[in-house]
Amino acid sequence: MSHWIDEKTLAGLRSAEARAYRSPLPTRVVSNGEHLPPPQTAEQRQVEVRMQAIAERGAARHGMDRRAFLASAAGIAAGLLAMNEVYGALFQVARSEAEDPAAAQASRRALEHQLVFDVQLHFVHDRYAFEGLLGLREIAKAWNPRLKGEKPSFDHYKFDNFVKEVFLDSQTDIGLLSGAPSENLDNWFLSNRQLAEARAVVNAVAGSRRLLCHSVFTPGWPGWLEELDRAIEELRPDSWKGYTIGDPLQASKWPWRLDDEKLVYPAYERMRKAGITTVCIHKGLLPENYAEAFPDQWQYAKVDDVGQAARDWPDLTFVIYHSGLKPFGSLPQAHLEHFEQTGRIDWVTDLAEIPEKYGVSNVYAELGSTFASSAVVHPRHCAALLGTLIRGMGSDRVLWGTDSVWYGSPQWQIEAFRRIEIPEDMQKAYGFAPLGAADGPVRNAVLGLNAARLYGLELDQAGKPADLRSDYFARLRREYEDAGPRPSNRAYGFVAPG
């Protein structure tokens, strides 16, 4: 949870975790520190009010308090129904699901056969001590007297809570553990070795392949090729993770381009020879003031270097994390209006046009933070984003990622994606195909099948790795649900005041 946001701006933000109202579905944009969250809009406030009203009615009807109701399966359905009432009917949700926990749970369990493979997950190591994370809580004390005397803790960002939020409180089956570089080695969430060790521990306990991992590569940094060779020889990551902006936490001495033949192509050759050929790259997701703060660095976050690299290296697969989405800034409605006027979404459309423009099929888009933030800002804009990616890249080259646990449990994102539909007027105007049924071919592909194919997983006739149905995590989840799940409904990060 290191951050780009400067300390002056950070002082004006609030802790998402410390909000008094814990919603099962966010009613404002939460930032993981890599972008500036816009203030809550009037529409988002309406969603919050209507969600509370739905929850109060449902809780009274079932003899529950409101917090317990919102922690049930009906809580997310209530949030999506409230969004429909404010933004229009974009989510396929029945009122019965929003008012009856049993009905909502039945709908959720009806989709347990669907593979959910999250390709962007995070937690921090036990000795992680970057004060930017704890400083968030210290700043919050200045405006929230209830936090005074609280002892700051990293626990919500660590392994135990990661397992609970991802594998118990959500229907995530398989995850890919990712990382981010910092020129200060103490600020890495997990080192490459720790990423691999976490993968080994989780899979040994589960008795199956539940967790995959990246190794982070850092072109231009001292000894970076030697570190890549070491990762190949000793760690055998499932894929690679890179940041073309260099250090995402500060102005970097080592930004780079994917199509740099002299610097980066020797690394691609090593990856190809090693048979670890999936290259995941952070693009977009910048803070609003990034160009001003880092004038020599921000352009490296664009996607204009992807096409040539993909054409030069057809044996590699390039997965563009966050789909290259630029930040929403403080005027989310303006971004929807920009799309409706131009039919384009900054950098996302550029990415979606690469397969046709360059004649390549080895470029994928990943949805971490992008889906979550756009769905919360305006679900119609989210529908446009999904339509743009699938129209340009195909539903077989879009991957599910959530950036959890920065945003708490990913279950609300899973359910929102299963239920959102591209409006008919938008389908006709822009040539978008409908997303279809919750467990139809498009959503099945995006939520899990595409990543399963990319990472070489063997699936049974029902569409999941057979060992996931009876491994330790499967048994643990069943016991957890039978005892009554207790999702925290926390979001971990920054929100704007107001």
Protein backbone atom coordinates (compact mmCIF):
# COMPACT_ATOMS: atom_id res chain seq x y z
CA MET A 1 0.00 0.00 0.00
CA SER A 2 2.78 2.38 -0.83
CA HIS A 3 1.44 5.37 -2.67
CA TRP A 4 2.15 8.02 -5.27
CA ILE A 5 -0.13 10.56 -3.59
CA ASP A 6 1.85 13.45 -2.10
CA GLU A 7 1.63 14.04 1.65
CA LYS A 8 -0.29 17.33 1.31
CA THR A 9 -2.98 15.65 -0.77
CA LEU A 10 -2.92 12.55 1.40
CA ALA A 11 -3.67 14.66 4.46
CA GLY A 12 -7.01 15.59 2.91
CA LEU A 13 -8.09 11.99 2.32
CA ARG A 14 -9.92 9.57 4.59
CA SER A 15 -9.26 5.98 5.52
CA ALA A 16 -11.65 3.70 3.66
CA GLU A 17 -11.23 1.11 6.39
CA ALA A 18 -12.32 3.54 9.11
CA ARG A 19 -15.60 4.57 7.48
CA ALA A 20 -18.53 4.30 9.86
CA TYR A 21 -20.72 2.74 7.18
CA ARG A 22 -19.41 -0.60 5.96
CA SER A 23 -21.10 -1.29 2.68
CA PRO A 24 -20.88 -4.66 0.95
CA LEU A 25 -20.55 -2.72 -2.29
CA PRO A 26 -18.47 0.48 -2.32
CA THR A 27 -20.40 3.71 -2.68
CA ARG A 28 -17.34 5.76 -3.56
CA VAL A 29 -14.05 5.14 -5.31
CA VAL A 30 -11.37 3.61 -3.09
CA SER A 31 -7.76 4.20 -4.10
CA ASN A 32 -4.95 1.77 -3.38
CA GLY A 33 -2.59 4.74 -3.37
CA GLU A 34 -1.76 4.53 -7.08
CA HIS A 35 -4.39 7.08 -8.08
CA LEU A 36 -6.28 9.96 -6.49
CA PRO A 37 -9.85 9.01 -5.53
CA PRO A 38 -12.56 11.46 -6.69
CA PRO A 39 -15.06 12.78 -4.15
CA GLN A 40 -18.32 10.91 -3.63
CA THR A 41 -20.86 12.05 -6.20
CA ALA A 42 -24.50 12.94 -5.57
CA GLU A 43 -25.49 9.71 -7.32
CA GLN A 44 -23.19 7.64 -5.12
CA ARG A 45 -24.71 9.24 -2.02
CA GLN A 46 -28.16 8.31 -3.35
CA VAL A 47 -27.01 4.72 -3.80
CA GLU A 48 -25.77 4.66 -0.22
CA VAL A 49 -29.07 6.00 1.13
CA ARG A 50 -31.18 3.61 -0.93
CA MET A 51 -29.02 0.66 -0.01
CA GLN A 52 -29.46 1.43 3.66
CA ALA A 53 -33.23 1.70 3.20
CA ILE A 54 -33.40 -1.67 1.40
CA ALA A 55 -31.23 -3.24 4.08
CA GLU A 56 -33.35 -1.84 6.92
CA ARG A 57 -36.53 -3.28 5.39
CA GLY A 58 -34.90 -6.65 4.76
CA ALA A 59 -33.30 -6.77 8.20
CA ALA A 60 -36.60 -6.00 9.94
CA ARG A 61 -38.41 -8.64 7.90
CA HIS A 62 -35.89 -11.33 8.85
CA GLY A 63 -35.26 -10.32 12.46
CA MET A 64 -31.69 -9.16 11.82
CA ASP A 65 -29.79 -5.98 12.50
CA ARG A 66 -28.73 -3.96 9.47
CA ARG A 67 -25.03 -4.81 9.70
CA ALA A 68 -25.79 -8.54 9.79
CA PHE A 69 -28.12 -8.16 6.81
CA LEU A 70 -25.51 -6.28 4.81
CA ALA A 71 -22.95 -8.98 5.65
CA SER A 72 -25.27 -11.63 4.22
CA ALA A 73 -25.47 -12.54 0.54
CA ALA A 74 -28.39 -10.12 0.23
CA GLY A 75 -26.14 -7.18 1.04
CA ILE A 76 -24.42 -7.09 -2.35
CA ALA A 77 -27.75 -7.65 -4.12
CA ALA A 78 -29.20 -4.71 -2.18
CA GLY A 79 -26.33 -2.53 -3.34
CA LEU A 80 -26.78 -3.51 -6.98
CA LEU A 81 -30.53 -2.93 -6.77
CA ALA A 82 -29.87 0.52 -5.31
CA MET A 83 -27.48 1.24 -8.20
CA ASN A 84 -30.20 0.26 -10.67
CA GLU A 85 -32.60 2.68 -9.00
CA VAL A 86 -30.11 5.52 -9.38
CA TYR A 87 -28.31 4.80 -12.67
CA GLY A 88 -30.85 2.72 -14.57
CA ALA A 89 -31.24 -1.04 -14.92
CA LEU A 90 -27.67 -2.11 -15.71
CA PHE A 91 -27.43 -4.98 -13.21
CA GLN A 92 -29.49 -8.15 -13.44
CA VAL A 93 -30.76 -8.43 -9.86
CA ALA A 94 -34.18 -9.34 -8.48
CA ARG A 95 -35.74 -7.49 -5.57
CA SER A 96 -36.25 -10.84 -3.84
CA GLU A 97 -32.46 -11.34 -3.75
CA ALA A 98 -31.94 -7.87 -2.30
CA GLU A 99 -34.46 -8.42 0.49
CA ASP A 100 -34.02 -12.12 1.34
CA PRO A 101 -30.59 -13.51 2.33
CA ALA A 102 -31.70 -17.07 1.53
CA ALA A 103 -32.72 -16.13 -2.02
CA ALA A 104 -29.45 -14.27 -2.55
CA GLN A 105 -27.41 -17.17 -1.19
CA ALA A 106 -29.25 -19.59 -3.46
CA SER A 107 -28.39 -17.43 -6.48
CA ARG A 108 -24.76 -17.32 -5.42
CA ARG A 109 -24.50 -21.06 -4.87
CA ALA A 110 -26.11 -21.73 -8.25
CA LEU A 111 -22.89 -20.34 -9.76
CA GLU A 112 -20.41 -22.34 -7.69
CA HIS A 113 -19.57 -24.38 -10.79
CA GLN A 114 -18.09 -21.28 -12.46
CA LEU A 115 -14.31 -20.98 -12.36
CA VAL A 116 -13.08 -17.69 -10.87
CA PHE A 117 -9.38 -17.08 -11.45
CA ASP A 118 -8.16 -13.72 -10.12
CA VAL A 119 -4.90 -12.72 -11.78
CA GLN A 120 -4.11 -9.76 -9.53
CA LEU A 121 -3.93 -10.33 -5.78
CA HIS A 122 -1.74 -8.74 -3.11
CA PHE A 123 -0.71 -8.97 0.52
CA VAL A 124 2.34 -7.75 2.44
CA HIS A 125 4.95 -9.76 4.32
CA ASP A 126 4.90 -10.04 8.10
CA ARG A 127 7.71 -7.56 8.68
CA TYR A 128 6.42 -4.97 6.23
CA ALA A 129 6.93 -1.59 7.85
CA PHE A 130 6.48 1.17 5.27
CA GLU A 131 5.05 4.03 7.32
CA GLY A 132 2.97 5.28 4.39
CA LEU A 133 0.50 2.52 5.21
CA LEU A 134 0.30 3.17 8.93
CA GLY A 135 0.46 6.89 8.25
CA LEU A 136 -2.95 6.53 6.65
CA ARG A 137 -4.41 5.59 10.02
CA GLU A 138 -2.48 8.34 11.79
CA ILE A 139 -3.86 10.93 9.38
CA ALA A 140 -7.35 9.58 9.89
CA LYS A 141 -7.10 10.25 13.63
CA ALA A 142 -7.01 13.97 12.93
CA TRP A 143 -10.57 13.93 11.62
CA ASN A 144 -12.02 10.85 13.33
CA PRO A 145 -11.87 11.09 17.15
CA ARG A 146 -13.00 7.46 17.46
CA LEU A 147 -9.60 6.39 16.17
CA LYS A 148 -7.66 8.21 18.87
CA GLY A 149 -5.78 5.70 20.97
CA GLU A 150 -5.99 3.05 18.27
CA LYS A 151 -2.77 1.15 17.68
CA PRO A 152 -2.03 1.09 13.93
CA SER A 153 -1.77 -2.40 12.48
CA PHE A 154 -0.71 -4.00 9.23
CA ASP A 155 -2.76 -7.11 9.99
CA HIS A 156 -5.52 -6.40 7.48
CA TYR A 157 -2.95 -6.41 4.67
CA LYS A 158 -1.22 -9.64 5.70
CA PHE A 159 -1.50 -13.30 4.85
CA ASP A 160 -4.17 -14.50 7.29
CA ASN A 161 -6.66 -11.81 6.30
CA PHE A 162 -5.74 -12.31 2.64
CA VAL A 163 -6.79 -15.97 2.84
CA LYS A 164 -10.04 -15.09 4.62
CA GLU A 165 -11.07 -12.25 2.30
CA VAL A 166 -10.15 -14.04 -0.93
CA PHE A 167 -10.70 -17.77 -0.39
CA LEU A 168 -13.42 -17.78 2.29
CA ASP A 169 -15.43 -14.59 1.82
CA SER A 170 -15.40 -14.80 -1.97
CA GLN A 171 -15.89 -17.43 -4.64
CA THR A 172 -12.37 -16.98 -5.95
CA ASP A 173 -10.98 -20.42 -6.82
CA ILE A 174 -7.45 -19.59 -7.95
CA GLY A 175 -5.34 -16.48 -7.57
CA LEU A 176 -2.16 -15.01 -8.99
CA LEU A 177 -0.08 -13.22 -6.36
CA SER A 178 1.50 -10.06 -7.70
CA GLY A 179 3.98 -7.47 -6.53
CA ALA A 180 5.36 -4.02 -7.25
CA PRO A 181 8.96 -2.76 -7.28
CA SER A 182 10.45 0.03 -5.22
CA GLU A 183 13.93 1.46 -5.39
CA ASN A 184 13.79 1.20 -1.59
CA LEU A 185 13.90 -2.57 -1.08
CA ASP A 186 12.12 -2.27 2.26
CA ASN A 187 8.98 -1.03 0.48
CA TRP A 188 8.39 -4.11 -1.69
CA PHE A 189 5.14 -5.77 -0.56
CA LEU A 190 6.80 -9.13 -1.12
CA SER A 191 10.17 -9.91 -2.63
CA ASN A 192 10.32 -12.29 -5.57
CA ARG A 193 11.43 -15.05 -3.23
CA GLN A 194 8.58 -14.29 -0.83
CA LEU A 195 6.09 -14.41 -3.70
CA ALA A 196 7.33 -17.89 -4.58
CA GLU A 197 7.37 -19.00 -0.93
CA ALA A 198 3.77 -17.84 -0.44
CA ARG A 199 2.75 -19.84 -3.50
CA ALA A 200 4.44 -22.93 -2.09
CA VAL A 201 2.85 -22.55 1.36
CA VAL A 202 -0.69 -21.99 0.08
CA ASN A 203 -0.55 -24.87 -2.35
CA ALA A 204 0.98 -27.23 0.19
CA VAL A 205 -1.76 -26.43 2.71
CA ALA A 206 -4.52 -26.58 0.10
CA GLY A 207 -3.24 -29.76 -1.51
CA SER A 208 -3.85 -28.22 -4.91
CA ARG A 209 -2.74 -25.40 -7.18
CA ARG A 210 -4.68 -22.53 -5.58
CA LEU A 211 -2.04 -19.81 -5.87
CA LEU A 212 0.28 -18.79 -8.68
CA CYS A 213 2.87 -16.02 -8.49
CA HIS A 214 4.76 -13.40 -10.42
CA SER A 215 8.37 -12.43 -10.32
CA VAL A 216 8.88 -8.70 -10.75
CA PHE A 217 11.45 -7.64 -13.33
CA THR A 218 12.98 -4.14 -13.39
CA PRO A 219 14.74 -3.18 -16.65
CA GLY A 220 17.67 -0.84 -16.19
CA TRP A 221 18.05 -1.35 -12.45
CA PRO A 222 21.49 -2.49 -11.27
CA GLY A 223 21.77 -6.27 -11.59
CA TRP A 224 18.28 -6.66 -13.03
CA LEU A 225 19.17 -9.29 -15.64
CA GLU A 226 20.99 -11.33 -13.04
CA GLU A 227 17.89 -11.18 -10.83
CA LEU A 228 15.79 -12.34 -13.78
CA ASP A 229 18.15 -15.26 -14.37
CA ARG A 230 17.98 -16.15 -10.68
CA ALA A 231 14.18 -16.09 -10.77
CA ILE A 232 14.19 -18.41 -13.76
CA GLU A 233 16.64 -20.82 -12.18
CA GLU A 234 15.43 -20.84 -8.56
CA LEU A 235 11.87 -19.48 -8.35
CA ARG A 236 10.17 -20.53 -11.60
CA PRO A 237 7.44 -17.89 -11.48
CA ASP A 238 4.23 -18.55 -13.37
CA SER A 239 4.61 -15.22 -15.18
CA TRP A 240 6.38 -11.87 -14.96
CA LYS A 241 5.32 -8.44 -13.69
CA GLY A 242 6.82 -5.16 -14.84
CA TYR A 243 6.21 -1.44 -14.41
CA THR A 244 7.29 0.61 -17.42
CA ILE A 245 7.20 3.73 -15.23
CA GLY A 246 10.06 2.23 -13.21
CA ASP A 247 9.39 2.78 -9.53
CA PRO A 248 5.63 3.29 -9.08
CA LEU A 249 6.16 5.01 -5.73
CA GLN A 250 8.25 7.99 -6.82
CA ALA A 251 9.99 9.72 -9.72
CA SER A 252 12.08 6.87 -11.08
CA LYS A 253 15.53 6.82 -12.59
CA TRP A 254 14.58 3.81 -14.71
CA PRO A 255 11.41 4.13 -16.78
CA TRP A 256 11.40 1.95 -19.89
CA ARG A 257 9.41 0.93 -22.96
CA LEU A 258 8.21 -2.51 -23.93
CA ASP A 259 9.60 -2.06 -27.44
CA ASP A 260 13.11 -1.03 -26.37
CA GLU A 261 15.21 -3.45 -28.43
CA LYS A 262 18.49 -2.71 -26.70
CA LEU A 263 17.33 -2.73 -23.08
CA VAL A 264 14.37 -5.11 -22.84
CA TYR A 265 14.53 -7.52 -25.76
CA PRO A 266 17.40 -9.52 -24.17
CA ALA A 267 15.07 -10.19 -21.22
CA TYR A 268 12.32 -11.38 -23.56
CA GLU A 269 14.76 -13.83 -25.10
CA ARG A 270 15.56 -15.23 -21.66
CA MET A 271 11.85 -15.54 -20.86
CA ARG A 272 11.17 -17.30 -24.14
CA LYS A 273 13.99 -19.79 -23.66
CA ALA A 274 12.86 -20.50 -20.09
CA GLY A 275 9.30 -21.19 -21.23
CA ILE A 276 7.87 -18.52 -18.89
CA THR A 277 6.26 -16.48 -21.59
CA THR A 278 3.47 -14.43 -20.00
CA VAL A 279 4.57 -10.83 -19.36
CA CYS A 280 2.21 -8.76 -17.20
CA ILE A 281 2.66 -4.99 -17.37
CA HIS A 282 1.19 -2.21 -15.25
CA LYS A 283 -0.23 0.50 -17.51
CA GLY A 284 -2.40 3.51 -16.79
CA LEU A 285 -4.00 3.92 -13.35
CA LEU A 286 -2.18 7.17 -12.69
CA PRO A 287 -2.98 9.80 -10.06
CA GLU A 288 -4.64 12.87 -11.53
CA ASN A 289 -1.61 15.11 -11.01
CA TYR A 290 0.95 12.56 -12.20
CA ALA A 291 1.90 14.35 -15.43
CA GLU A 292 2.58 17.54 -13.52
CA ALA A 293 4.44 15.85 -10.69
CA PHE A 294 6.51 13.54 -12.92
CA PRO A 295 6.75 15.19 -16.37
CA ASP A 296 9.54 12.88 -17.56
CA GLN A 297 7.89 9.66 -16.42
CA TRP A 298 4.13 9.66 -17.02
CA GLN A 299 4.26 8.90 -20.76
CA TYR A 300 5.78 5.50 -20.02
CA ALA A 301 2.40 4.48 -18.58
CA LYS A 302 0.75 4.77 -22.01
CA VAL A 303 0.10 1.72 -24.18
CA ASP A 304 1.85 3.02 -27.32
CA ASP A 305 4.76 0.59 -26.85
CA VAL A 306 2.64 -2.57 -26.64
CA GLY A 307 1.83 -3.30 -30.28
CA GLN A 308 5.36 -3.35 -31.65
CA ALA A 309 6.67 -5.50 -28.80
CA ALA A 310 3.81 -7.97 -29.30
CA ARG A 311 4.49 -8.15 -33.04
CA ASP A 312 8.24 -8.61 -32.50
CA TRP A 313 7.69 -11.36 -29.89
CA PRO A 314 4.80 -13.56 -31.04
CA ASP A 315 5.90 -16.34 -28.66
CA LEU A 316 5.27 -14.09 -25.65
CA THR A 317 1.91 -13.03 -24.24
CA PHE A 318 1.58 -9.45 -23.01
CA VAL A 319 -1.08 -8.88 -20.35
CA ILE A 320 -1.79 -5.20 -19.80
CA TYR A 321 -2.84 -4.70 -16.20
CA HIS A 322 -5.66 -2.24 -15.46
CA SER A 323 -6.35 -2.27 -19.22
CA GLY A 324 -4.32 0.94 -19.44
CA LEU A 325 -7.14 3.01 -17.90
CA LYS A 326 -6.24 6.58 -16.98
CA PRO A 327 -7.58 7.95 -13.68
CA PHE A 328 -11.11 9.26 -13.46
CA GLY A 329 -10.12 12.42 -11.66
CA SER A 330 -12.70 14.58 -9.92
CA LEU A 331 -15.40 14.68 -12.63
CA PRO A 332 -16.53 11.10 -13.29
CA GLN A 333 -19.59 12.21 -15.28
CA ALA A 334 -17.29 14.01 -17.70
CA HIS A 335 -15.62 10.72 -18.62
CA LEU A 336 -18.94 9.15 -19.53
CA GLU A 337 -19.84 12.22 -21.57
CA HIS A 338 -16.46 12.03 -23.31
CA PHE A 339 -17.17 8.43 -24.31
CA GLU A 340 -20.68 9.25 -25.52
CA GLN A 341 -19.31 12.11 -27.63
CA THR A 342 -16.30 10.29 -29.07
CA GLY A 343 -16.87 6.57 -28.58
CA ARG A 344 -13.44 6.35 -26.95
CA ILE A 345 -12.01 5.79 -23.45
CA ASP A 346 -8.54 7.23 -22.91
CA TRP A 347 -5.85 4.56 -23.41
CA VAL A 348 -8.37 1.70 -23.06
CA THR A 349 -9.56 2.19 -26.63
CA ASP A 350 -5.94 2.49 -27.78
CA LEU A 351 -5.24 -0.90 -26.18
CA ALA A 352 -8.35 -2.50 -27.68
CA GLU A 353 -7.29 -1.38 -31.16
CA ILE A 354 -3.86 -3.02 -30.98
CA PRO A 355 -4.87 -6.54 -32.19
CA GLU A 356 -6.31 -5.20 -35.44
CA LYS A 357 -3.77 -2.41 -35.92
CA TYR A 358 -0.73 -4.64 -35.43
CA GLY A 359 -2.18 -7.97 -36.54
CA VAL A 360 -1.42 -9.68 -33.22
CA SER A 361 -3.32 -12.06 -30.96
CA ASN A 362 -0.91 -12.15 -28.02
CA VAL A 363 -2.13 -9.07 -26.13
CA TYR A 364 -4.58 -9.38 -23.22
CA ALA A 365 -6.37 -6.82 -21.04
CA GLU A 366 -6.67 -7.26 -17.26
CA LEU A 367 -9.44 -5.66 -15.19
CA GLY A 368 -7.85 -5.09 -11.76
CA SER A 369 -9.05 -1.78 -10.21
CA THR A 370 -10.42 -0.81 -13.63
CA PHE A 371 -13.67 -2.74 -13.29
CA ALA A 372 -14.10 -1.84 -9.62
CA SER A 373 -13.52 1.89 -10.01
CA SER A 374 -15.58 2.29 -13.19
CA ALA A 375 -18.51 0.30 -11.76
CA VAL A 376 -18.54 2.54 -8.70
CA VAL A 377 -18.06 5.81 -10.61
CA HIS A 378 -20.81 5.11 -13.15
CA PRO A 379 -21.92 1.62 -14.21
CA ARG A 380 -22.84 2.86 -17.68
CA HIS A 381 -19.23 3.91 -18.18
CA CYS A 382 -18.18 0.49 -16.88
CA ALA A 383 -20.42 -1.15 -19.48
CA ALA A 384 -18.79 0.98 -22.18
CA LEU A 385 -15.34 -0.06 -20.97
CA LEU A 386 -16.22 -3.76 -21.06
CA GLY A 387 -17.84 -3.37 -24.46
CA THR A 388 -14.77 -1.57 -25.83
CA LEU A 389 -12.35 -4.23 -24.62
CA ILE A 390 -14.40 -7.21 -25.77
CA ARG A 391 -15.21 -5.66 -29.16
CA GLY A 392 -11.54 -4.92 -29.88
CA MET A 393 -9.72 -7.78 -28.19
CA GLY A 394 -12.33 -10.52 -28.10
CA SER A 395 -13.84 -12.06 -24.98
CA ASP A 396 -11.06 -14.65 -25.06
CA ARG A 397 -8.35 -12.06 -24.29
CA VAL A 398 -9.76 -10.27 -21.26
CA LEU A 399 -8.67 -11.47 -17.81
CA TRP A 400 -10.33 -11.13 -14.42
CA GLY A 401 -8.37 -9.33 -11.71
CA THR A 402 -9.49 -7.38 -8.64
CA ASP A 403 -6.38 -5.88 -6.96
CA SER A 404 -7.55 -7.43 -3.69
CA VAL A 405 -6.96 -7.27 -0.76
CA TRP A 406 -6.46 -3.53 -1.10
CA TYR A 407 -10.23 -3.26 -1.59
CA GLY A 408 -11.25 -5.99 0.85
CA SER A 409 -13.00 -9.15 -0.30
CA PRO A 410 -13.42 -9.42 -4.10
CA GLN A 411 -16.89 -11.00 -3.85
CA TRP A 412 -18.78 -7.80 -4.65
CA GLN A 413 -16.73 -7.40 -7.82
CA ILE A 414 -17.43 -11.00 -8.85
CA GLU A 415 -21.17 -10.54 -8.40
CA ALA A 416 -21.24 -7.14 -10.05
CA PHE A 417 -19.43 -8.53 -13.10
CA ARG A 418 -21.79 -11.49 -13.32
CA ARG A 419 -24.79 -9.16 -13.31
CA ILE A 420 -23.83 -6.06 -15.30
CA GLU A 421 -25.13 -5.83 -18.86
CA ILE A 422 -24.34 -3.43 -21.68
CA PRO A 423 -27.52 -1.40 -22.36
CA GLU A 424 -29.25 -2.05 -25.67
CA ASP A 425 -28.86 1.55 -26.85
CA MET A 426 -25.11 1.30 -26.27
CA GLN A 427 -24.96 -2.05 -28.08
CA LYS A 428 -26.63 -0.52 -31.13
CA ALA A 429 -24.68 2.74 -31.12
CA TYR A 430 -21.20 1.24 -30.71
CA GLY A 431 -21.48 -2.30 -32.02
CA PHE A 432 -21.06 -3.90 -28.60
CA ALA A 433 -22.21 -7.47 -28.06
CA PRO A 434 -24.25 -8.30 -24.96
CA LEU A 435 -22.39 -9.96 -22.11
CA GLY A 436 -25.11 -12.60 -21.77
CA ALA A 437 -25.92 -14.94 -18.93
CA ALA A 438 -24.06 -14.89 -15.61
CA ASP A 439 -22.52 -18.24 -16.51
CA GLY A 440 -22.62 -17.76 -20.27
CA PRO A 441 -19.58 -18.05 -22.54
CA VAL A 442 -18.42 -14.42 -22.24
CA ARG A 443 -18.43 -14.22 -18.45
CA ASN A 444 -17.08 -17.75 -18.06
CA ALA A 445 -14.19 -16.83 -20.32
CA VAL A 446 -13.33 -13.58 -18.56
CA LEU A 447 -13.80 -14.80 -14.99
CA GLY A 448 -11.65 -17.87 -15.33
CA LEU A 449 -11.34 -19.85 -18.53
CA ASN A 450 -9.02 -17.40 -20.29
CA ALA A 451 -6.55 -17.38 -17.42
CA ALA A 452 -6.81 -21.17 -17.06
CA ARG A 453 -5.82 -21.55 -20.69
CA LEU A 454 -3.02 -18.99 -20.42
CA TYR A 455 -1.55 -20.68 -17.34
CA GLY A 456 -1.99 -24.23 -18.54
CA LEU A 457 -4.56 -25.50 -16.04
CA GLU A 458 -6.28 -28.81 -16.75
CA LEU A 459 -10.06 -28.55 -16.29
CA ASP A 460 -12.61 -31.30 -15.81
CA GLN A 461 -15.84 -31.52 -17.80
CA ALA A 462 -17.52 -29.09 -15.39
CA GLY A 463 -14.87 -26.46 -16.10
CA LYS A 464 -12.66 -26.49 -13.00
CA PRO A 465 -9.47 -28.26 -11.95
CA ALA A 466 -10.79 -31.46 -10.39
CA ASP A 467 -8.67 -31.23 -7.24
CA LEU A 468 -10.24 -27.89 -6.24
CA ARG A 469 -13.53 -29.58 -5.42
CA SER A 470 -12.17 -31.60 -2.50
CA ASP A 471 -8.96 -29.90 -1.38
CA TYR A 472 -8.47 -28.36 2.06
CA PHE A 473 -9.64 -24.90 0.98
CA ALA A 474 -12.86 -26.35 -0.45
CA ARG A 475 -13.58 -28.13 2.83
CA LEU A 476 -12.65 -25.06 4.85
CA ARG A 477 -14.98 -22.84 2.82
CA ARG A 478 -17.88 -25.24 3.29
CA GLU A 479 -17.28 -25.32 7.07
CA TYR A 480 -16.98 -21.53 7.14
CA GLU A 481 -20.25 -21.05 5.26
CA ASP A 482 -22.06 -23.64 7.38
CA ALA A 483 -20.96 -21.80 10.52
CA GLY A 484 -22.21 -18.50 9.08
CA PRO A 485 -19.77 -16.39 7.05
CA ARG A 486 -18.56 -13.16 8.60
CA PRO A 487 -17.32 -10.87 5.83
CA SER A 488 -15.79 -7.68 7.16
CA ASN A 489 -17.20 -5.42 4.40
CA ARG A 490 -13.99 -3.44 4.82
CA ALA A 491 -12.20 -1.57 2.10
CA TYR A 492 -8.53 -0.82 2.68
CA GLY A 493 -7.20 2.35 1.13
CA PHE A 494 -8.04 5.99 0.56
CA VAL A 495 -11.31 7.80 -0.10
CA ALA A 496 -11.97 11.48 -0.68
CA PRO A 497 -13.64 13.42 2.16
CA GLY A 498 -17.32 14.32 2.08
